[in-house]
Amino acid sequence: MTGLSKTGSKMQDTSHFLLVLVTLLLFDWSLAQSHQRSTYIHITPPSGIQSIQGLHQKLRCDASYLGDPVDFKWLYNDQIIPDTNPRYNIDYDTNPMDTATFSILTITATRPSDSGRYSCRMKPPGRGVATTSVTILERAQLITSHDQVILQGENTTLSCKTVPDLTNFGSKIYWHKQNQFIGLRGMIDLNGDDIPDVNISPNGNLTLMNSNTVLAGTYKCRVRYRIYGRTTFVSNDINVYANVTVQTDPYVWYNSNAQFPLELRCFVRGYPYADVSWRYRGLLIRGSDVGNNVTLTTKPLDHVTMISTLTIREPGFKSFNMTRFTCAGVNKYGMDRQTTAVVNTDQVFDPFSSGGPSLSTPALALVTASCLLVVIQSVVQN
């Protein structure tokens, strides 16, 4: 019996020891969990603030150490912000359960120099720090599309938004083209043909519909906003470029013995303006000659169109049936050329002759083919 009694006593001691051990482990685990749950420090907004000067901005810090309120300090770029700084208002308080401290830091009438890191740091025995960033801009910045090149027949969208977002300050986006106001919203006809050319969406983006060279130019996104009763504007330009298209008359009827000069015209569209040149039989016509026999003038017609006029007072080639001149245009985004055929009515026929046309067989064939081609082109265009 004595042996059994001793054995039972040892088992009870062992069980008691295990019970105490488990209790201590559970207590340590509970304490650790409690510590993990109740010790914290948070700053709001954690993602930071981006704003413009002149506004009041607020940061909030909440901190608890082992479930009790804790003292902490505010810092700007790791330097303690004194409570006496007149541009910073710091209010401390505790939550209703008296388990945490919270503080509101107000930066009054913000300036760009207020940009930087703001932190709240616990005082011992607490440990912990929370940090966020503040960026104060001198004025709102516009984020717009890069300069673009029109793709003929496709839509081209120009975007525009402010940083920071100024919706709460009554911001409005105004679009201009070549310094002329376009509009604020909706479908807009720019060239007066009753067909909408652009669409300005509710978010302020502008879309050029069925883009063509005429829609090229310099667009301006202009934003208006108000802060404390003061109206401010900010704007950016977006260049919309276009490659070159050349338009000439395919045929010009001219009597080489007439008393009036031969005049050829060429319309060259592109943005920026194209460099225009004329050639005859592959040779470059460089401009007005010394004898004032050839005059070449090129000037802007609108913001995308150059009109070039080649005038020849005394053609040195009087015995031709048909000859050709080529007009070409080029800018950094493309080039184009078109040829004008000059038909000599003195050799082919004289529409002013009372005796009617006098045609040789080759000349008749030439005129017949030329007229037929003009008629076909007219039918196709119509």
Protein backbone atom coordinates (compact mmCIF):
# COMPACT_ATOMS: atom_id res chain seq x y z
CA MET A 1 0.00 0.00 0.00
CA THR A 2 2.84 2.32 0.81
CA GLY A 3 4.33 1.86 -2.69
CA LEU A 4 1.00 2.54 -4.37
CA SER A 5 0.55 5.65 -2.23
CA LYS A 6 3.95 6.99 -3.28
CA THR A 7 3.26 6.24 -6.93
CA GLY A 8 -0.09 8.06 -6.76
CA SER A 9 1.52 11.03 -5.05
CA LYS A 10 4.14 11.28 -7.81
CA MET A 11 1.43 11.16 -10.50
CA GLN A 12 -0.48 13.95 -8.75
CA ASP A 13 2.69 16.06 -8.53
CA THR A 14 3.37 15.47 -12.23
CA SER A 15 -0.18 16.41 -13.21
CA HIS A 16 -0.03 19.52 -11.07
CA PHE A 17 3.28 20.50 -12.69
CA LEU A 18 1.88 19.99 -16.18
CA LEU A 19 -1.21 22.01 -15.29
CA VAL A 20 0.91 24.88 -14.02
CA LEU A 21 3.12 24.72 -17.10
CA VAL A 22 0.16 24.80 -19.49
CA THR A 23 -1.38 27.67 -17.54
CA LEU A 24 1.83 29.69 -17.78
CA LEU A 25 2.11 28.98 -21.51
CA LEU A 26 -1.49 30.02 -22.10
CA PHE A 27 -0.94 33.17 -20.03
CA ASP A 28 2.16 34.09 -22.02
CA TRP A 29 0.31 33.44 -25.29
CA SER A 30 -2.67 35.48 -24.13
CA LEU A 31 -0.38 38.27 -22.99
CA ALA A 32 1.41 38.24 -26.34
CA GLN A 33 -1.88 38.31 -28.22
CA SER A 34 -3.13 41.11 -25.98
CA HIS A 35 0.08 43.04 -26.58
CA GLN A 36 -0.21 42.50 -30.32
CA ARG A 37 -3.82 43.66 -30.39
CA SER A 38 -3.57 46.62 -28.09
CA THR A 39 -0.24 48.20 -29.03
CA TYR A 40 -0.44 50.17 -32.25
CA ILE A 41 0.14 53.54 -33.89
CA HIS A 42 -1.64 54.68 -37.07
CA ILE A 43 -1.56 57.87 -39.12
CA THR A 44 -4.34 59.04 -41.43
CA PRO A 45 -4.36 59.37 -44.38
CA PRO A 46 -1.68 56.69 -44.79
CA SER A 47 -1.33 57.35 -48.52
CA GLY A 48 -0.47 60.99 -47.90
CA ILE A 49 -1.88 64.32 -49.04
CA GLN A 50 -1.38 66.10 -52.34
CA SER A 51 -2.89 69.58 -52.48
CA ILE A 52 -2.34 73.17 -53.49
CA GLN A 53 -1.18 76.08 -51.36
CA GLY A 54 -3.54 78.14 -49.27
CA LEU A 55 -5.70 75.32 -47.88
CA HIS A 56 -5.80 73.88 -44.36
CA GLN A 57 -4.75 70.23 -44.22
CA LYS A 58 -5.30 67.77 -41.35
CA LEU A 59 -3.43 64.64 -40.25
CA ARG A 60 -4.65 62.28 -37.52
CA CYS A 61 -2.61 59.90 -35.38
CA ASP A 62 -4.03 57.14 -33.12
CA ALA A 63 -1.79 55.25 -30.67
CA SER A 64 -2.20 52.73 -27.83
CA TYR A 65 0.36 50.93 -25.66
CA LEU A 66 -0.79 47.70 -23.98
CA GLY A 67 -4.37 48.92 -24.12
CA ASP A 68 -3.64 52.31 -22.47
CA PRO A 69 -3.28 55.85 -23.80
CA VAL A 70 0.27 56.78 -24.70
CA ASP A 71 2.15 60.02 -25.19
CA PHE A 72 3.60 60.76 -28.64
CA LYS A 73 5.06 63.68 -30.58
CA TRP A 74 4.54 65.01 -34.10
CA LEU A 75 7.59 65.34 -36.35
CA TYR A 76 8.25 67.08 -39.66
CA ASN A 77 11.16 65.59 -41.62
CA ASP A 78 12.27 63.89 -38.36
CA GLN A 79 12.29 67.17 -36.43
CA ILE A 80 9.85 67.61 -33.52
CA ILE A 81 7.07 70.10 -34.23
CA PRO A 82 6.76 72.36 -31.17
CA ASP A 83 3.29 73.01 -29.79
CA THR A 84 4.05 76.74 -29.97
CA ASN A 85 4.44 76.87 -33.78
CA PRO A 86 1.65 79.25 -34.94
CA ARG A 87 1.24 77.53 -38.30
CA TYR A 88 0.53 74.13 -36.71
CA ASN A 89 -2.43 73.38 -34.46
CA ILE A 90 -2.04 70.19 -32.42
CA ASP A 91 -4.95 68.78 -30.40
CA TYR A 92 -4.62 65.69 -28.18
CA ASP A 93 -7.43 63.61 -26.67
CA THR A 94 -8.29 60.03 -25.67
CA ASN A 95 -11.00 57.80 -27.05
CA PRO A 96 -14.19 57.15 -25.01
CA MET A 97 -12.87 53.78 -23.77
CA ASP A 98 -9.71 55.47 -22.48
CA THR A 99 -7.55 52.90 -24.29
CA ALA A 100 -5.84 55.08 -26.90
CA THR A 101 -4.62 58.60 -27.58
CA PHE A 102 -5.50 60.42 -30.76
CA SER A 103 -4.24 63.73 -32.08
CA ILE A 104 -5.18 66.07 -34.96
CA LEU A 105 -2.39 68.03 -36.60
CA THR A 106 -3.68 70.97 -38.68
CA ILE A 107 -1.34 72.71 -41.13
CA THR A 108 -2.84 76.15 -41.68
CA ALA A 109 -2.65 78.08 -44.98
CA THR A 110 -0.35 75.51 -46.55
CA ARG A 111 2.71 76.49 -48.55
CA PRO A 112 4.96 74.50 -50.90
CA SER A 113 7.60 74.59 -48.14
CA ASP A 114 5.26 72.46 -45.99
CA SER A 115 5.89 69.48 -48.28
CA GLY A 116 7.72 66.60 -46.64
CA ARG A 117 7.42 63.63 -44.24
CA TYR A 118 5.11 63.89 -41.23
CA SER A 119 5.36 61.34 -38.42
CA CYS A 120 3.90 60.60 -35.01
CA ARG A 121 6.25 58.76 -32.62
CA MET A 122 5.47 57.14 -29.26
CA LYS A 123 7.31 58.23 -26.17
CA PRO A 124 8.80 55.51 -23.89
CA PRO A 125 7.79 53.07 -22.64
CA GLY A 126 5.82 52.89 -25.91
CA ARG A 127 7.60 52.11 -29.13
CA GLY A 128 6.38 52.80 -32.63
CA VAL A 129 6.21 55.41 -35.35
CA ALA A 130 3.83 56.08 -38.24
CA THR A 131 4.75 58.24 -41.25
CA THR A 132 2.98 59.78 -44.22
CA SER A 133 3.87 62.36 -46.88
CA VAL A 134 2.46 65.78 -47.73
CA THR A 135 2.97 67.51 -51.07
CA ILE A 136 1.82 71.11 -51.44
CA LEU A 137 1.87 72.48 -54.99
CA GLU A 138 2.17 76.19 -55.73
CA ARG A 139 -0.76 75.76 -58.11
CA ALA A 140 -2.68 72.88 -59.64
CA GLN A 141 -0.87 70.92 -62.32
CA LEU A 142 -2.43 69.59 -65.51
CA ILE A 143 -1.75 66.09 -66.74
CA THR A 144 -2.58 66.05 -70.46
CA SER A 145 -2.04 63.85 -73.48
CA HIS A 146 1.26 64.02 -75.30
CA ASP A 147 1.36 65.65 -78.71
CA GLN A 148 -0.25 63.33 -81.24
CA VAL A 149 -0.37 62.66 -84.98
CA ILE A 150 -3.77 62.30 -86.64
CA LEU A 151 -4.59 58.98 -88.27
CA GLN A 152 -6.95 59.79 -91.11
CA GLY A 153 -10.50 58.54 -90.48
CA GLU A 154 -9.85 57.37 -86.91
CA ASN A 155 -10.83 58.89 -83.57
CA THR A 156 -8.17 60.77 -81.62
CA THR A 157 -8.71 61.39 -77.88
CA LEU A 158 -7.05 64.20 -75.91
CA SER A 159 -7.12 63.81 -72.12
CA CYS A 160 -6.86 66.48 -69.44
CA LYS A 161 -7.04 66.26 -65.63
CA THR A 162 -5.78 68.24 -62.66
CA VAL A 163 -3.41 67.13 -59.91
CA PRO A 164 -4.73 67.30 -57.29
CA ASP A 165 -8.36 66.64 -58.21
CA LEU A 166 -10.17 69.98 -57.93
CA THR A 167 -13.74 68.73 -58.36
CA ASN A 168 -14.63 69.94 -54.88
CA PHE A 169 -13.43 73.41 -55.79
CA GLY A 170 -15.81 73.86 -58.73
CA SER A 171 -13.22 73.09 -61.39
CA LYS A 172 -14.33 73.32 -65.00
CA ILE A 173 -12.43 72.28 -68.13
CA TYR A 174 -12.57 74.59 -71.17
CA TRP A 175 -11.24 73.46 -74.55
CA HIS A 176 -9.82 75.82 -77.20
CA LYS A 177 -8.36 75.30 -80.67
CA GLN A 178 -6.02 77.87 -82.21
CA ASN A 179 -7.02 80.13 -79.27
CA GLN A 180 -10.70 79.91 -80.20
CA PHE A 181 -13.13 78.55 -77.59
CA ILE A 182 -14.64 75.14 -78.51
CA GLY A 183 -16.88 74.24 -75.60
CA LEU A 184 -17.35 72.43 -72.28
CA ARG A 185 -19.38 69.30 -73.05
CA GLY A 186 -21.04 67.32 -75.82
CA MET A 187 -20.88 67.10 -79.61
CA ILE A 188 -19.54 70.21 -81.34
CA ASP A 189 -19.36 71.20 -85.02
CA LEU A 190 -16.12 73.07 -85.68
CA ASN A 191 -16.36 73.81 -89.40
CA GLY A 192 -20.03 74.73 -89.76
CA ASP A 193 -21.13 71.78 -91.89
CA ASP A 194 -23.68 70.57 -89.29
CA ILE A 195 -21.64 67.42 -88.69
CA PRO A 196 -20.07 67.05 -85.21
CA ASP A 197 -16.28 67.06 -85.33
CA VAL A 198 -15.44 66.69 -81.62
CA ASN A 199 -17.03 65.20 -78.51
CA ILE A 200 -16.16 66.47 -75.04
CA SER A 201 -17.03 63.80 -72.46
CA PRO A 202 -18.24 64.44 -68.86
CA ASN A 203 -14.73 63.68 -67.54
CA GLY A 204 -13.32 66.45 -69.72
CA ASN A 205 -11.63 64.38 -72.45
CA LEU A 206 -11.94 65.66 -76.02
CA THR A 207 -12.26 63.22 -78.94
CA LEU A 208 -11.66 64.20 -82.57
CA MET A 209 -14.11 62.09 -84.57
CA ASN A 210 -13.15 60.71 -87.99
CA SER A 211 -9.93 62.66 -87.81
CA ASN A 212 -8.69 64.56 -90.85
CA THR A 213 -6.04 67.14 -91.59
CA VAL A 214 -8.41 70.08 -91.02
CA LEU A 215 -8.86 68.99 -87.39
CA ALA A 216 -5.12 69.25 -86.76
CA GLY A 217 -3.81 72.20 -84.79
CA THR A 218 -2.94 73.35 -81.28
CA TYR A 219 -5.58 72.50 -78.68
CA LYS A 220 -5.59 74.08 -75.24
CA CYS A 221 -7.02 72.50 -72.09
CA ARG A 222 -7.83 75.30 -69.64
CA VAL A 223 -9.10 74.61 -66.10
CA ARG A 224 -10.76 77.15 -63.83
CA TYR A 225 -11.13 76.63 -60.07
CA ARG A 226 -11.88 78.75 -56.99
CA ILE A 227 -10.15 78.71 -53.61
CA TYR A 228 -11.36 81.04 -50.83
CA GLY A 229 -13.17 83.20 -53.38
CA ARG A 230 -10.17 83.55 -55.67
CA THR A 231 -10.50 82.28 -59.25
CA THR A 232 -7.41 80.65 -60.76
CA PHE A 233 -6.71 79.27 -64.24
CA VAL A 234 -4.18 76.69 -65.35
CA SER A 235 -3.71 75.48 -68.92
CA ASN A 236 -1.65 73.23 -71.20
CA ASP A 237 -1.30 73.02 -74.99
CA ILE A 238 -1.58 69.76 -76.95
CA ASN A 239 -0.33 69.77 -80.53
CA VAL A 240 -2.22 67.52 -82.96
CA TYR A 241 -0.08 67.04 -86.05
CA ALA A 242 -1.07 65.84 -89.53
CA ASN A 243 0.89 64.61 -92.52
CA VAL A 244 0.68 66.32 -95.90
CA THR A 245 -2.00 66.17 -98.60
CA VAL A 246 -1.67 68.02 -101.92
CA GLN A 247 -4.53 69.11 -104.17
CA THR A 248 -4.16 70.52 -107.70
CA ASP A 249 -6.29 70.74 -110.85
CA PRO A 250 -5.54 67.57 -112.84
CA TYR A 251 -5.88 69.48 -116.16
CA VAL A 252 -5.45 73.12 -117.14
CA TRP A 253 -6.49 74.33 -120.62
CA TYR A 254 -4.12 77.00 -121.92
CA ASN A 255 -3.32 78.63 -125.29
CA SER A 256 0.42 79.15 -125.50
CA ASN A 257 -0.10 82.09 -127.88
CA ALA A 258 -2.49 83.87 -125.54
CA GLN A 259 -1.73 87.29 -124.10
CA PHE A 260 -2.36 86.19 -120.50
CA PRO A 261 0.05 84.19 -118.33
CA LEU A 262 -0.19 80.54 -117.40
CA GLU A 263 -1.27 80.26 -113.78
CA LEU A 264 -1.22 77.03 -111.74
CA ARG A 265 -2.42 76.69 -108.16
CA CYS A 266 -1.69 74.08 -105.52
CA PHE A 267 -3.28 73.60 -102.07
CA VAL A 268 -1.02 71.86 -99.55
CA ARG A 269 -2.47 70.85 -96.16
CA GLY A 270 -0.53 69.65 -93.12
CA TYR A 271 0.34 70.57 -89.55
CA PRO A 272 2.84 72.01 -89.09
CA TYR A 273 2.83 73.86 -92.41
CA ALA A 274 4.43 71.95 -95.25
CA ASP A 275 7.36 73.13 -97.34
CA VAL A 276 6.02 73.51 -100.89
CA SER A 277 7.95 73.07 -104.15
CA TRP A 278 7.22 72.93 -107.88
CA ARG A 279 9.01 70.92 -110.57
CA TYR A 280 8.95 70.95 -114.35
CA ARG A 281 10.37 67.94 -116.17
CA GLY A 282 12.09 66.94 -112.93
CA LEU A 283 13.77 70.32 -112.49
CA LEU A 284 13.08 72.35 -109.35
CA ILE A 285 11.46 75.75 -109.88
CA ARG A 286 13.17 77.83 -107.24
CA GLY A 287 11.08 81.02 -107.39
CA SER A 288 10.75 84.24 -109.33
CA ASP A 289 13.37 84.64 -112.06
CA VAL A 290 15.40 87.75 -112.82
CA GLY A 291 13.34 88.69 -115.84
CA ASN A 292 10.12 88.42 -113.84
CA ASN A 293 8.94 85.78 -116.29
CA VAL A 294 8.23 83.21 -113.55
CA THR A 295 6.62 84.15 -110.25
CA LEU A 296 6.14 81.66 -107.44
CA THR A 297 4.20 82.73 -104.33
CA THR A 298 3.31 80.54 -101.37
CA LYS A 299 1.34 81.78 -98.38
CA PRO A 300 -0.90 80.45 -95.58
CA LEU A 301 -4.61 80.19 -96.29
CA ASP A 302 -5.57 78.92 -92.82
CA HIS A 303 -3.81 77.17 -89.92
CA VAL A 304 -3.17 73.98 -91.95
CA THR A 305 -3.33 75.08 -95.60
CA MET A 306 -0.66 76.66 -97.79
CA ILE A 307 -1.69 77.97 -101.21
CA SER A 308 1.05 78.08 -103.80
CA THR A 309 0.62 79.88 -107.14
CA LEU A 310 3.01 79.41 -110.06
CA THR A 311 2.69 82.10 -112.76
CA ILE A 312 4.54 81.90 -116.10
CA ARG A 313 4.18 85.02 -118.28
CA GLU A 314 6.07 83.91 -121.37
CA PRO A 315 6.18 80.12 -121.68
CA GLY A 316 9.26 79.08 -123.61
CA PHE A 317 7.56 75.89 -124.68
CA LYS A 318 4.93 76.96 -127.19
CA SER A 319 4.88 73.90 -129.45
CA PHE A 320 3.58 71.35 -126.95
CA ASN A 321 0.34 69.41 -126.95
CA MET A 322 0.48 68.61 -123.22
CA THR A 323 3.09 69.24 -120.53
CA ARG A 324 3.15 68.60 -116.81
CA PHE A 325 4.04 70.46 -113.62
CA THR A 326 4.35 68.76 -110.23
CA CYS A 327 3.54 70.35 -106.87
CA ALA A 328 4.92 68.68 -103.74
CA GLY A 329 4.62 69.29 -100.00
CA VAL A 330 6.55 67.85 -97.08
CA ASN A 331 6.61 68.21 -93.30
CA LYS A 332 8.17 66.06 -90.59
CA TYR A 333 5.16 63.69 -90.61
CA GLY A 334 4.83 62.95 -94.31
CA MET A 335 4.86 64.13 -97.91
CA ASP A 336 2.60 64.16 -100.97
CA ARG A 337 2.72 65.35 -104.59
CA GLN A 338 0.26 65.91 -107.41
CA THR A 339 0.75 66.63 -111.11
CA THR A 340 -1.13 69.14 -113.24
CA ALA A 341 -1.30 68.49 -116.98
CA VAL A 342 -1.33 71.65 -119.08
CA VAL A 343 -3.13 71.12 -122.43
CA ASN A 344 -2.10 73.54 -125.17
CA THR A 345 -5.32 74.53 -126.92
CA ASP A 346 -3.32 76.18 -129.72
CA GLN A 347 -1.98 72.79 -130.73
CA VAL A 348 -4.98 70.65 -129.82
CA PHE A 349 -7.95 72.95 -130.55
CA ASP A 350 -8.94 76.58 -130.22
CA PRO A 351 -12.31 76.84 -128.46
CA PHE A 352 -12.56 80.51 -129.49
CA SER A 353 -11.98 79.92 -133.22
CA SER A 354 -14.98 80.78 -135.45
CA GLY A 355 -13.94 78.09 -137.89
CA GLY A 356 -14.29 75.35 -135.32
CA PRO A 357 -11.61 72.96 -134.11
CA SER A 358 -8.82 71.94 -136.42
CA LEU A 359 -7.38 68.67 -135.19
CA SER A 360 -4.71 66.36 -136.46
CA THR A 361 -5.32 62.66 -135.90
CA PRO A 362 -2.76 62.34 -133.04
CA ALA A 363 -4.05 65.54 -131.48
CA LEU A 364 -7.64 64.34 -131.78
CA ALA A 365 -6.75 61.10 -130.08
CA LEU A 366 -4.97 63.01 -127.30
CA VAL A 367 -7.86 65.37 -126.66
CA THR A 368 -10.43 62.57 -126.82
CA ALA A 369 -8.50 60.52 -124.26
CA SER A 370 -7.92 63.55 -122.03
CA CYS A 371 -11.57 64.62 -122.10
CA LEU A 372 -12.73 61.06 -121.45
CA LEU A 373 -10.42 60.83 -118.43
CA VAL A 374 -11.75 64.13 -117.05
CA VAL A 375 -15.34 62.93 -117.47
CA ILE A 376 -14.56 59.62 -115.76
CA GLN A 377 -12.87 61.39 -112.83
CA SER A 378 -15.85 63.74 -112.51
CA VAL A 379 -18.29 60.82 -112.42
CA VAL A 380 -16.22 58.98 -109.83
CA GLN A 381 -15.95 62.06 -107.57
CA ASN A 382 -19.69 62.73 -107.77
